[in-house]
Amino acid sequence: MLIDHDPFTGITTTMQYNAEKDSIVLGYVATSDGVSAVLEDNKAAMLDVDLHRKGAREEWAHYAKIPPIVQYEWLYKHGVDFNKRDHWPGVMRLLNSPDYRYLKRTTYYHDR
């Protein structure tokens, strides 16, 4: 059963009821267009050396852009909640892992 579709994030929320177990399962699905756009933007930013230099001079850096569906995946698969400050060591570990390198917008390495 369709619960919601968020046009901003591209995430569709579904619900299934299992009568035998008297349980509800929520599902989250994202359109590939929304995720692909973020990944392509990240790739372009990684190649923009001038942007990195400007950020370094101004003491800021846009380190990563993480689609909401990936944030759900991290919570489900790794127990890492992007929205909780005390989970940020896990966020940085995941961002710096080979599996999620495409979320970074820079070649820099941060661990905090």
PDB file of N, CA and C in Angstrom:
ATOM      1  N   MET A   1       0.837  -1.163   0.000  1.00  0.00           N
ATOM      2  CA  MET A   1       0.000   0.000   0.000  1.00  0.00           C
ATOM      3  C   MET A   1       0.890   1.237   0.000  1.00  0.00           C
ATOM      4  N   LEU A   2       0.587   2.171  -0.880  1.00  0.00           N
ATOM      5  CA  LEU A   2       1.309   3.429  -0.959  1.00  0.00           C
ATOM      6  C   LEU A   2       0.891   4.326   0.198  1.00  0.00           C
ATOM      7  N   ILE A   3       1.873   4.822   0.935  1.00  0.00           N
ATOM      8  CA  ILE A   3       1.605   5.728   2.053  1.00  0.00           C
ATOM      9  C   ILE A   3       1.846   7.171   1.634  1.00  0.00           C
ATOM     10  N   ASP A   4       2.995   7.414   0.979  1.00  0.00           N
ATOM     11  CA  ASP A   4       3.371   8.780   0.656  1.00  0.00           C
ATOM     12  C   ASP A   4       4.387   8.775  -0.471  1.00  0.00           C
ATOM     13  N   HIS A   5       4.411   9.850  -1.217  1.00  0.00           N
ATOM     14  CA  HIS A   5       5.495  10.096  -2.169  1.00  0.00           C
ATOM     15  C   HIS A   5       5.946  11.532  -1.971  1.00  0.00           C
ATOM     16  N   ASP A   6       7.228  11.709  -1.688  1.00  0.00           N
ATOM     17  CA  ASP A   6       7.797  13.028  -1.476  1.00  0.00           C
ATOM     18  C   ASP A   6       8.483  13.463  -2.768  1.00  0.00           C
ATOM     19  N   PRO A   7       7.912  14.418  -3.497  1.00  0.00           N
ATOM     20  CA  PRO A   7       8.513  14.823  -4.764  1.00  0.00           C
ATOM     21  C   PRO A   7       9.863  15.516  -4.589  1.00  0.00           C
ATOM     22  N   PHE A   8      10.114  16.096  -3.429  1.00  0.00           N
ATOM     23  CA  PHE A   8      11.388  16.772  -3.183  1.00  0.00           C
ATOM     24  C   PHE A   8      12.539  15.768  -3.096  1.00  0.00           C
ATOM     25  N   THR A   9      12.355  14.686  -2.338  1.00  0.00           N
ATOM     26  CA  THR A   9      13.417  13.679  -2.181  1.00  0.00           C
ATOM     27  C   THR A   9      13.295  12.548  -3.192  1.00  0.00           C
ATOM     28  N   GLY A  10      12.105  12.387  -3.786  1.00  0.00           N
ATOM     29  CA  GLY A  10      11.878  11.279  -4.711  1.00  0.00           C
ATOM     30  C   GLY A  10      11.613   9.967  -4.001  1.00  0.00           C
ATOM     31  N   ILE A  11      11.385  10.011  -2.687  1.00  0.00           N
ATOM     32  CA  ILE A  11      11.189   8.792  -1.905  1.00  0.00           C
ATOM     33  C   ILE A  11       9.695   8.467  -1.802  1.00  0.00           C
ATOM     34  N   THR A  12       9.385   7.223  -2.108  1.00  0.00           N
ATOM     35  CA  THR A  12       8.040   6.704  -1.947  1.00  0.00           C
ATOM     36  C   THR A  12       8.031   5.792  -0.734  1.00  0.00           C
ATOM     37  N   THR A  13       7.067   5.993   0.152  1.00  0.00           N
ATOM     38  CA  THR A  13       6.926   5.175   1.352  1.00  0.00           C
ATOM     39  C   THR A  13       5.749   4.222   1.161  1.00  0.00           C
ATOM     40  N   THR A  14       6.010   2.949   1.420  1.00  0.00           N
ATOM     41  CA  THR A  14       4.962   1.941   1.312  1.00  0.00           C
ATOM     42  C   THR A  14       4.790   1.243   2.650  1.00  0.00           C
ATOM     43  N   MET A  15       3.657   0.558   2.797  1.00  0.00           N
ATOM     44  CA  MET A  15       3.384  -0.191   4.019  1.00  0.00           C
ATOM     45  C   MET A  15       2.762  -1.533   3.650  1.00  0.00           C
ATOM     46  N   GLN A  16       3.209  -2.556   4.342  1.00  0.00           N
ATOM     47  CA  GLN A  16       2.609  -3.880   4.188  1.00  0.00           C
ATOM     48  C   GLN A  16       2.239  -4.394   5.571  1.00  0.00           C
ATOM     49  N   TYR A  17       1.055  -4.974   5.663  1.00  0.00           N
ATOM     50  CA  TYR A  17       0.614  -5.553   6.928  1.00  0.00           C
ATOM     51  C   TYR A  17       0.665  -7.067   6.811  1.00  0.00           C
ATOM     52  N   ASN A  18       1.319  -7.712   7.781  1.00  0.00           N
ATOM     53  CA  ASN A  18       1.400  -9.164   7.837  1.00  0.00           C
ATOM     54  C   ASN A  18       0.447  -9.627   8.945  1.00  0.00           C
ATOM     55  N   ALA A  19      -0.706 -10.164   8.530  1.00  0.00           N
ATOM     56  CA  ALA A  19      -1.736 -10.571   9.494  1.00  0.00           C
ATOM     57  C   ALA A  19      -1.280 -11.733  10.361  1.00  0.00           C
ATOM     58  N   GLU A  20      -0.509 -12.657   9.788  1.00  0.00           N
ATOM     59  CA  GLU A  20      -0.042 -13.814  10.565  1.00  0.00           C
ATOM     60  C   GLU A  20       0.844 -13.393  11.728  1.00  0.00           C
ATOM     61  N   LYS A  21       1.686 -12.417  11.495  1.00  0.00           N
ATOM     62  CA  LYS A  21       2.601 -11.953  12.535  1.00  0.00           C
ATOM     63  C   LYS A  21       2.102 -10.691  13.228  1.00  0.00           C
ATOM     64  N   ASP A  22       0.978 -10.161  12.745  1.00  0.00           N
ATOM     65  CA  ASP A  22       0.428  -8.907  13.256  1.00  0.00           C
ATOM     66  C   ASP A  22       1.525  -7.835  13.307  1.00  0.00           C
ATOM     67  N   SER A  23       2.160  -7.651  12.142  1.00  0.00           N
ATOM     68  CA  SER A  23       3.247  -6.681  12.066  1.00  0.00           C
ATOM     69  C   SER A  23       3.101  -5.825  10.812  1.00  0.00           C
ATOM     70  N   ILE A  24       3.728  -4.678  10.866  1.00  0.00           N
ATOM     71  CA  ILE A  24       3.727  -3.736   9.751  1.00  0.00           C
ATOM     72  C   ILE A  24       5.163  -3.553   9.279  1.00  0.00           C
ATOM     73  N   VAL A  25       5.344  -3.558   7.969  1.00  0.00           N
ATOM     74  CA  VAL A  25       6.658  -3.324   7.379  1.00  0.00           C
ATOM     75  C   VAL A  25       6.564  -2.075   6.508  1.00  0.00           C
ATOM     76  N   LEU A  26       7.406  -1.099   6.812  1.00  0.00           N
ATOM     77  CA  LEU A  26       7.487   0.102   5.998  1.00  0.00           C
ATOM     78  C   LEU A  26       8.621  -0.065   4.995  1.00  0.00           C
ATOM     79  N   GLY A  27       8.392   0.398   3.787  1.00  0.00           N
ATOM     80  CA  GLY A  27       9.421   0.342   2.754  1.00  0.00           C
ATOM     81  C   GLY A  27       9.672   1.722   2.190  1.00  0.00           C
ATOM     82  N   TYR A  28      10.899   1.962   1.794  1.00  0.00           N
ATOM     83  CA  TYR A  28      11.283   3.236   1.210  1.00  0.00           C
ATOM     84  C   TYR A  28      11.977   2.966  -0.112  1.00  0.00           C
ATOM     85  N   VAL A  29      11.505   3.614  -1.170  1.00  0.00           N
ATOM     86  CA  VAL A  29      12.071   3.442  -2.492  1.00  0.00           C
ATOM     87  C   VAL A  29      12.297   4.826  -3.074  1.00  0.00           C
ATOM     88  N   ALA A  30      13.465   5.017  -3.688  1.00  0.00           N
ATOM     89  CA  ALA A  30      13.770   6.299  -4.312  1.00  0.00           C
ATOM     90  C   ALA A  30      13.837   6.132  -5.818  1.00  0.00           C
ATOM     91  N   THR A  31      13.452   7.167  -6.516  1.00  0.00           N
ATOM     92  CA  THR A  31      13.599   7.145  -7.962  1.00  0.00           C
ATOM     93  C   THR A  31      15.080   7.241  -8.296  1.00  0.00           C
ATOM     94  N   SER A  32      15.487   6.528  -9.292  1.00  0.00           N
ATOM     95  CA  SER A  32      16.905   6.548  -9.660  1.00  0.00           C
ATOM     96  C   SER A  32      17.311   7.915 -10.202  1.00  0.00           C
ATOM     97  N   ASP A  33      16.372   8.668 -10.770  1.00  0.00           N
ATOM     98  CA  ASP A  33      16.690   9.995 -11.299  1.00  0.00           C
ATOM     99  C   ASP A  33      17.223  10.915 -10.210  1.00  0.00           C
ATOM    100  N   GLY A  34      16.566  10.913  -9.050  1.00  0.00           N
ATOM    101  CA  GLY A  34      16.988  11.788  -7.961  1.00  0.00           C
ATOM    102  C   GLY A  34      18.348  11.416  -7.413  1.00  0.00           C
ATOM    103  N   VAL A  35      18.591  10.135  -7.244  1.00  0.00           N
ATOM    104  CA  VAL A  35      19.880   9.680  -6.726  1.00  0.00           C
ATOM    105  C   VAL A  35      20.971   9.923  -7.760  1.00  0.00           C
ATOM    106  N   SER A  36      20.691   9.635  -9.013  1.00  0.00           N
ATOM    107  CA  SER A  36      21.681   9.827 -10.079  1.00  0.00           C
ATOM    108  C   SER A  36      22.096  11.288 -10.192  1.00  0.00           C
ATOM    109  N   ALA A  37      21.134  12.198 -10.038  1.00  0.00           N
ATOM    110  CA  ALA A  37      21.449  13.623 -10.126  1.00  0.00           C
ATOM    111  C   ALA A  37      22.420  14.038  -9.024  1.00  0.00           C
ATOM    112  N   VAL A  38      22.212  13.532  -7.813  1.00  0.00           N
ATOM    113  CA  VAL A  38      23.112  13.849  -6.704  1.00  0.00           C
ATOM    114  C   VAL A  38      24.504  13.283  -6.973  1.00  0.00           C
ATOM    115  N   LEU A  39      24.575  12.055  -7.435  1.00  0.00           N
ATOM    116  CA  LEU A  39      25.868  11.425  -7.692  1.00  0.00           C
ATOM    117  C   LEU A  39      26.637  12.146  -8.800  1.00  0.00           C
ATOM    118  N   GLU A  40      25.940  12.548  -9.853  1.00  0.00           N
ATOM    119  CA  GLU A  40      26.595  13.286 -10.932  1.00  0.00           C
ATOM    120  C   GLU A  40      27.098  14.643 -10.448  1.00  0.00           C
ATOM    121  N   ASP A  41      26.308  15.296  -9.609  1.00  0.00           N
ATOM    122  CA  ASP A  41      26.723  16.576  -9.042  1.00  0.00           C
ATOM    123  C   ASP A  41      27.950  16.390  -8.158  1.00  0.00           C
ATOM    124  N   ASN A  42      27.984  15.318  -7.378  1.00  0.00           N
ATOM    125  CA  ASN A  42      29.146  15.038  -6.533  1.00  0.00           C
ATOM    126  C   ASN A  42      30.395  14.814  -7.382  1.00  0.00           C
ATOM    127  N   LYS A  43      30.249  14.061  -8.471  1.00  0.00           N
ATOM    128  CA  LYS A  43      31.394  13.803  -9.361  1.00  0.00           C
ATOM    129  C   LYS A  43      31.932  15.103  -9.947  1.00  0.00           C
ATOM    130  N   ALA A  44      31.031  15.954 -10.396  1.00  0.00           N
ATOM    131  CA  ALA A  44      31.458  17.233 -10.968  1.00  0.00           C
ATOM    132  C   ALA A  44      32.167  18.092  -9.925  1.00  0.00           C
ATOM    133  N   ALA A  45      31.642  18.115  -8.720  1.00  0.00           N
ATOM    134  CA  ALA A  45      32.257  18.905  -7.643  1.00  0.00           C
ATOM    135  C   ALA A  45      33.645  18.377  -7.294  1.00  0.00           C
ATOM    136  N   MET A  46      33.810  17.063  -7.344  1.00  0.00           N
ATOM    137  CA  MET A  46      35.109  16.474  -7.010  1.00  0.00           C
ATOM    138  C   MET A  46      36.184  16.914  -8.012  1.00  0.00           C
ATOM    139  N   LEU A  47      35.781  17.171  -9.232  1.00  0.00           N
ATOM    140  CA  LEU A  47      36.728  17.584 -10.269  1.00  0.00           C
ATOM    141  C   LEU A  47      37.000  19.084 -10.270  1.00  0.00           C
ATOM    142  N   ASP A  48      36.227  19.850  -9.506  1.00  0.00           N
ATOM    143  CA  ASP A  48      36.351  21.303  -9.478  1.00  0.00           C
ATOM    144  C   ASP A  48      37.392  21.728  -8.445  1.00  0.00           C
ATOM    145  N   VAL A  49      38.644  21.761  -8.861  1.00  0.00           N
ATOM    146  CA  VAL A  49      39.756  22.088  -7.961  1.00  0.00           C
ATOM    147  C   VAL A  49      39.630  23.508  -7.424  1.00  0.00           C
ATOM    148  N   ASP A  50      39.177  24.436  -8.248  1.00  0.00           N
ATOM    149  CA  ASP A  50      39.031  25.824  -7.804  1.00  0.00           C
ATOM    150  C   ASP A  50      38.028  25.947  -6.656  1.00  0.00           C
ATOM    151  N   LEU A  51      36.963  25.181  -6.713  1.00  0.00           N
ATOM    152  CA  LEU A  51      35.971  25.189  -5.639  1.00  0.00           C
ATOM    153  C   LEU A  51      36.605  24.728  -4.322  1.00  0.00           C
ATOM    154  N   HIS A  52      37.434  23.694  -4.377  1.00  0.00           N
ATOM    155  CA  HIS A  52      38.103  23.200  -3.168  1.00  0.00           C
ATOM    156  C   HIS A  52      39.062  24.254  -2.604  1.00  0.00           C
ATOM    157  N   ARG A  53      39.806  24.899  -3.488  1.00  0.00           N
ATOM    158  CA  ARG A  53      40.746  25.928  -3.033  1.00  0.00           C
ATOM    159  C   ARG A  53      40.005  27.096  -2.382  1.00  0.00           C
ATOM    160  N   LYS A  54      38.897  27.511  -3.009  1.00  0.00           N
ATOM    161  CA  LYS A  54      38.099  28.606  -2.456  1.00  0.00           C
ATOM    162  C   LYS A  54      37.575  28.221  -1.073  1.00  0.00           C
ATOM    163  N   GLY A  55      37.071  27.021  -0.941  1.00  0.00           N
ATOM    164  CA  GLY A  55      36.577  26.565   0.349  1.00  0.00           C
ATOM    165  C   GLY A  55      37.667  26.530   1.401  1.00  0.00           C
ATOM    166  N   ALA A  56      38.845  26.078   1.017  1.00  0.00           N
ATOM    167  CA  ALA A  56      39.963  26.009   1.967  1.00  0.00           C
ATOM    168  C   ALA A  56      40.369  27.412   2.415  1.00  0.00           C
ATOM    169  N   ARG A  57      40.393  28.365   1.484  1.00  0.00           N
ATOM    170  CA  ARG A  57      40.738  29.751   1.841  1.00  0.00           C
ATOM    171  C   ARG A  57      39.707  30.363   2.777  1.00  0.00           C
ATOM    172  N   GLU A  58      38.439  30.014   2.579  1.00  0.00           N
ATOM    173  CA  GLU A  58      37.367  30.596   3.381  1.00  0.00           C
ATOM    174  C   GLU A  58      37.005  29.723   4.584  1.00  0.00           C
ATOM    175  N   GLU A  59      37.793  28.689   4.822  1.00  0.00           N
ATOM    176  CA  GLU A  59      37.628  27.787   5.961  1.00  0.00           C
ATOM    177  C   GLU A  59      36.298  27.048   5.972  1.00  0.00           C
ATOM    178  N   TRP A  60      35.863  26.598   4.819  1.00  0.00           N
ATOM    179  CA  TRP A  60      34.682  25.748   4.716  1.00  0.00           C
ATOM    180  C   TRP A  60      34.938  24.740   3.599  1.00  0.00           C
ATOM    181  N   ALA A  61      34.193  23.699   3.619  1.00  0.00           N
ATOM    182  CA  ALA A  61      34.259  22.715   2.538  1.00  0.00           C
ATOM    183  C   ALA A  61      32.944  21.945   2.503  1.00  0.00           C
ATOM    184  N   HIS A  62      32.404  21.805   1.318  1.00  0.00           N
ATOM    185  CA  HIS A  62      31.206  20.976   1.128  1.00  0.00           C
ATOM    186  C   HIS A  62      31.726  19.564   0.902  1.00  0.00           C
ATOM    187  N   TYR A  63      31.778  18.795   1.955  1.00  0.00           N
ATOM    188  CA  TYR A  63      32.461  17.497   1.945  1.00  0.00           C
ATOM    189  C   TYR A  63      31.663  16.408   1.241  1.00  0.00           C
ATOM    190  N   ALA A  64      30.345  16.402   1.410  1.00  0.00           N
ATOM    191  CA  ALA A  64      29.548  15.319   0.836  1.00  0.00           C
ATOM    192  C   ALA A  64      28.106  15.771   0.643  1.00  0.00           C
ATOM    193  N   LYS A  65      27.437  15.089  -0.254  1.00  0.00           N
ATOM    194  CA  LYS A  65      25.993  15.265  -0.436  1.00  0.00           C
ATOM    195  C   LYS A  65      25.409  13.858  -0.409  1.00  0.00           C
ATOM    196  N   ILE A  66      24.536  13.607   0.560  1.00  0.00           N
ATOM    197  CA  ILE A  66      24.032  12.259   0.813  1.00  0.00           C
ATOM    198  C   ILE A  66      22.526  12.226   0.586  1.00  0.00           C
ATOM    199  N   PRO A  67      22.073  11.506  -0.443  1.00  0.00           N
ATOM    200  CA  PRO A  67      20.631  11.429  -0.684  1.00  0.00           C
ATOM    201  C   PRO A  67      19.903  10.814   0.514  1.00  0.00           C
ATOM    202  N   PRO A  68      18.691  11.264   0.781  1.00  0.00           N
ATOM    203  CA  PRO A  68      17.930  10.732   1.921  1.00  0.00           C
ATOM    204  C   PRO A  68      17.769   9.209   1.891  1.00  0.00           C
ATOM    205  N   ILE A  69      17.641   8.615   0.719  1.00  0.00           N
ATOM    206  CA  ILE A  69      17.481   7.154   0.660  1.00  0.00           C
ATOM    207  C   ILE A  69      18.730   6.452   1.180  1.00  0.00           C
ATOM    208  N   VAL A  70      19.895   7.053   0.971  1.00  0.00           N
ATOM    209  CA  VAL A  70      21.139   6.481   1.504  1.00  0.00           C
ATOM    210  C   VAL A  70      21.171   6.637   3.016  1.00  0.00           C
ATOM    211  N   GLN A  71      20.630   7.738   3.510  1.00  0.00           N
ATOM    212  CA  GLN A  71      20.549   7.920   4.957  1.00  0.00           C
ATOM    213  C   GLN A  71      19.675   6.825   5.583  1.00  0.00           C
ATOM    214  N   TYR A  72      18.578   6.471   4.922  1.00  0.00           N
ATOM    215  CA  TYR A  72      17.740   5.355   5.391  1.00  0.00           C
ATOM    216  C   TYR A  72      18.526   4.043   5.359  1.00  0.00           C
ATOM    217  N   GLU A  73      19.283   3.841   4.292  1.00  0.00           N
ATOM    218  CA  GLU A  73      20.085   2.614   4.168  1.00  0.00           C
ATOM    219  C   GLU A  73      21.090   2.510   5.306  1.00  0.00           C
ATOM    220  N   TRP A  74      21.753   3.621   5.616  1.00  0.00           N
ATOM    221  CA  TRP A  74      22.725   3.610   6.706  1.00  0.00           C
ATOM    222  C   TRP A  74      22.062   3.264   8.028  1.00  0.00           C
ATOM    223  N   LEU A  75      20.897   3.809   8.265  1.00  0.00           N
ATOM    224  CA  LEU A  75      20.189   3.524   9.508  1.00  0.00           C
ATOM    225  C   LEU A  75      19.811   2.047   9.579  1.00  0.00           C
ATOM    226  N   TYR A  76      19.300   1.509   8.485  1.00  0.00           N
ATOM    227  CA  TYR A  76      18.841   0.118   8.453  1.00  0.00           C
ATOM    228  C   TYR A  76      20.008  -0.873   8.462  1.00  0.00           C
ATOM    229  N   LYS A  77      20.995  -0.659   7.611  1.00  0.00           N
ATOM    230  CA  LYS A  77      22.095  -1.631   7.469  1.00  0.00           C
ATOM    231  C   LYS A  77      23.193  -1.477   8.518  1.00  0.00           C
ATOM    232  N   HIS A  78      23.457  -0.229   8.933  1.00  0.00           N
ATOM    233  CA  HIS A  78      24.623   0.022   9.788  1.00  0.00           C
ATOM    234  C   HIS A  78      24.274   0.609  11.155  1.00  0.00           C
ATOM    235  N   GLY A  79      23.000   0.948  11.364  1.00  0.00           N
ATOM    236  CA  GLY A  79      22.605   1.540  12.637  1.00  0.00           C
ATOM    237  C   GLY A  79      23.127   2.945  12.829  1.00  0.00           C
ATOM    238  N   VAL A  80      23.482   3.627  11.738  1.00  0.00           N
ATOM    239  CA  VAL A  80      24.029   4.976  11.803  1.00  0.00           C
ATOM    240  C   VAL A  80      22.935   5.971  11.420  1.00  0.00           C
ATOM    241  N   ASP A  81      22.581   6.842  12.364  1.00  0.00           N
ATOM    242  CA  ASP A  81      21.545   7.846  12.140  1.00  0.00           C
ATOM    243  C   ASP A  81      22.211   9.172  11.790  1.00  0.00           C
ATOM    244  N   PHE A  82      22.088   9.562  10.547  1.00  0.00           N
ATOM    245  CA  PHE A  82      22.695  10.789  10.030  1.00  0.00           C
ATOM    246  C   PHE A  82      22.287  12.011  10.848  1.00  0.00           C
ATOM    247  N   ASN A  83      21.117  11.998  11.422  1.00  0.00           N
ATOM    248  CA  ASN A  83      20.594  13.158  12.139  1.00  0.00           C
ATOM    249  C   ASN A  83      20.980  13.218  13.614  1.00  0.00           C
ATOM    250  N   LYS A  84      21.759  12.270  14.075  1.00  0.00           N
ATOM    251  CA  LYS A  84      22.197  12.287  15.477  1.00  0.00           C
ATOM    252  C   LYS A  84      23.683  12.615  15.549  1.00  0.00           C
ATOM    253  N   ARG A  85      23.981  13.662  16.290  1.00  0.00           N
ATOM    254  CA  ARG A  85      25.360  14.144  16.389  1.00  0.00           C
ATOM    255  C   ARG A  85      26.331  13.053  16.873  1.00  0.00           C
ATOM    256  N   ASP A  86      25.889  12.232  17.836  1.00  0.00           N
ATOM    257  CA  ASP A  86      26.794  11.209  18.368  1.00  0.00           C
ATOM    258  C   ASP A  86      27.015  10.058  17.379  1.00  0.00           C
ATOM    259  N   HIS A  87      26.317  10.042  16.252  1.00  0.00           N
ATOM    260  CA  HIS A  87      26.526   9.021  15.221  1.00  0.00           C
ATOM    261  C   HIS A  87      27.502   9.493  14.137  1.00  0.00           C
ATOM    262  N   TRP A  88      27.992  10.735  14.244  1.00  0.00           N
ATOM    263  CA  TRP A  88      28.848  11.268  13.190  1.00  0.00           C
ATOM    264  C   TRP A  88      30.158  10.520  12.995  1.00  0.00           C
ATOM    265  N   PRO A  89      30.755   9.918  14.005  1.00  0.00           N
ATOM    266  CA  PRO A  89      31.923   9.084  13.693  1.00  0.00           C
ATOM    267  C   PRO A  89      31.556   7.957  12.713  1.00  0.00           C
ATOM    268  N   GLY A  90      30.369   7.395  12.855  1.00  0.00           N
ATOM    269  CA  GLY A  90      29.907   6.366  11.924  1.00  0.00           C
ATOM    270  C   GLY A  90      29.628   6.932  10.544  1.00  0.00           C
ATOM    271  N   VAL A  91      29.063   8.133  10.488  1.00  0.00           N
ATOM    272  CA  VAL A  91      28.819   8.794   9.210  1.00  0.00           C
ATOM    273  C   VAL A  91      30.141   8.984   8.468  1.00  0.00           C
ATOM    274  N   MET A  92      31.134   9.493   9.170  1.00  0.00           N
ATOM    275  CA  MET A  92      32.432   9.730   8.524  1.00  0.00           C
ATOM    276  C   MET A  92      33.102   8.415   8.115  1.00  0.00           C
ATOM    277  N   ARG A  93      32.955   7.382   8.929  1.00  0.00           N
ATOM    278  CA  ARG A  93      33.507   6.072   8.573  1.00  0.00           C
ATOM    279  C   ARG A  93      32.879   5.570   7.276  1.00  0.00           C
ATOM    280  N   LEU A  94      31.564   5.699   7.167  1.00  0.00           N
ATOM    281  CA  LEU A  94      30.877   5.250   5.957  1.00  0.00           C
ATOM    282  C   LEU A  94      31.265   6.095   4.747  1.00  0.00           C
ATOM    283  N   LEU A  95      31.326   7.416   4.923  1.00  0.00           N
ATOM    284  CA  LEU A  95      31.704   8.284   3.805  1.00  0.00           C
ATOM    285  C   LEU A  95      33.103   7.976   3.288  1.00  0.00           C
ATOM    286  N   ASN A  96      33.993   7.613   4.172  1.00  0.00           N
ATOM    287  CA  ASN A  96      35.368   7.339   3.769  1.00  0.00           C
ATOM    288  C   ASN A  96      35.583   5.894   3.327  1.00  0.00           C
ATOM    289  N   SER A  97      34.533   5.077   3.391  1.00  0.00           N
ATOM    290  CA  SER A  97      34.664   3.689   2.944  1.00  0.00           C
ATOM    291  C   SER A  97      34.530   3.627   1.421  1.00  0.00           C
ATOM    292  N   PRO A  98      35.131   2.630   0.805  1.00  0.00           N
ATOM    293  CA  PRO A  98      35.025   2.491  -0.657  1.00  0.00           C
ATOM    294  C   PRO A  98      33.578   2.346  -1.143  1.00  0.00           C
ATOM    295  N   ASP A  99      32.714   1.767  -0.322  1.00  0.00           N
ATOM    296  CA  ASP A  99      31.328   1.551  -0.741  1.00  0.00           C
ATOM    297  C   ASP A  99      30.545   2.840  -0.949  1.00  0.00           C
ATOM    298  N   TYR A 100      30.922   3.902  -0.263  1.00  0.00           N
ATOM    299  CA  TYR A 100      30.157   5.151  -0.335  1.00  0.00           C
ATOM    300  C   TYR A 100      31.002   6.336  -0.806  1.00  0.00           C
ATOM    301  N   ARG A 101      32.103   6.088  -1.436  1.00  0.00           N
ATOM    302  CA  ARG A 101      33.003   7.155  -1.882  1.00  0.00           C
ATOM    303  C   ARG A 101      32.319   8.115  -2.860  1.00  0.00           C
ATOM    304  N   TYR A 102      31.318   7.653  -3.582  1.00  0.00           N
ATOM    305  CA  TYR A 102      30.619   8.471  -4.572  1.00  0.00           C
ATOM    306  C   TYR A 102      29.754   9.557  -3.936  1.00  0.00           C
ATOM    307  N   LEU A 103      29.633   9.538  -2.625  1.00  0.00           N
ATOM    308  CA  LEU A 103      28.860  10.563  -1.933  1.00  0.00           C
ATOM    309  C   LEU A 103      29.712  11.789  -1.593  1.00  0.00           C
ATOM    310  N   LYS A 104      31.020  11.616  -1.638  1.00  0.00           N
ATOM    311  CA  LYS A 104      31.922  12.718  -1.316  1.00  0.00           C
ATOM    312  C   LYS A 104      32.034  13.676  -2.497  1.00  0.00           C
ATOM    313  N   ARG A 105      32.285  14.942  -2.170  1.00  0.00           N
ATOM    314  CA  ARG A 105      32.430  15.975  -3.191  1.00  0.00           C
ATOM    315  C   ARG A 105      33.864  16.481  -3.254  1.00  0.00           C
ATOM    316  N   THR A 106      34.748  15.803  -2.590  1.00  0.00           N
ATOM    317  CA  THR A 106      36.144  16.214  -2.510  1.00  0.00           C
ATOM    318  C   THR A 106      37.020  14.980  -2.352  1.00  0.00           C
ATOM    319  N   THR A 107      38.288  15.139  -2.605  1.00  0.00           N
ATOM    320  CA  THR A 107      39.236  14.049  -2.378  1.00  0.00           C
ATOM    321  C   THR A 107      39.826  14.119  -0.974  1.00  0.00           C
ATOM    322  N   TYR A 108      39.480  15.167  -0.225  1.00  0.00           N
ATOM    323  CA  TYR A 108      39.966  15.313   1.138  1.00  0.00           C
ATOM    324  C   TYR A 108      39.464  14.166   2.011  1.00  0.00           C
ATOM    325  N   TYR A 109      40.172  13.940   3.098  1.00  0.00           N
ATOM    326  CA  TYR A 109      39.783  12.921   4.065  1.00  0.00           C
ATOM    327  C   TYR A 109      39.529  13.591   5.407  1.00  0.00           C
ATOM    328  N   HIS A 110      38.337  13.371   5.942  1.00  0.00           N
ATOM    329  CA  HIS A 110      38.005  13.865   7.280  1.00  0.00           C
ATOM    330  C   HIS A 110      37.523  12.687   8.109  1.00  0.00           C
ATOM    331  N   ASP A 111      37.819  12.724   9.388  1.00  0.00           N
ATOM    332  CA  ASP A 111      37.347  11.655  10.261  1.00  0.00           C
ATOM    333  C   ASP A 111      36.445  12.181  11.378  1.00  0.00           C
ATOM    334  N   ARG A 112      36.106  13.455  11.327  1.00  0.00           N
ATOM    335  CA  ARG A 112      35.202  14.022  12.329  1.00  0.00           C
ATOM    336  C   ARG A 112      34.322  15.066  11.733  1.00  0.00           C
TER     337      ARG A 112
END
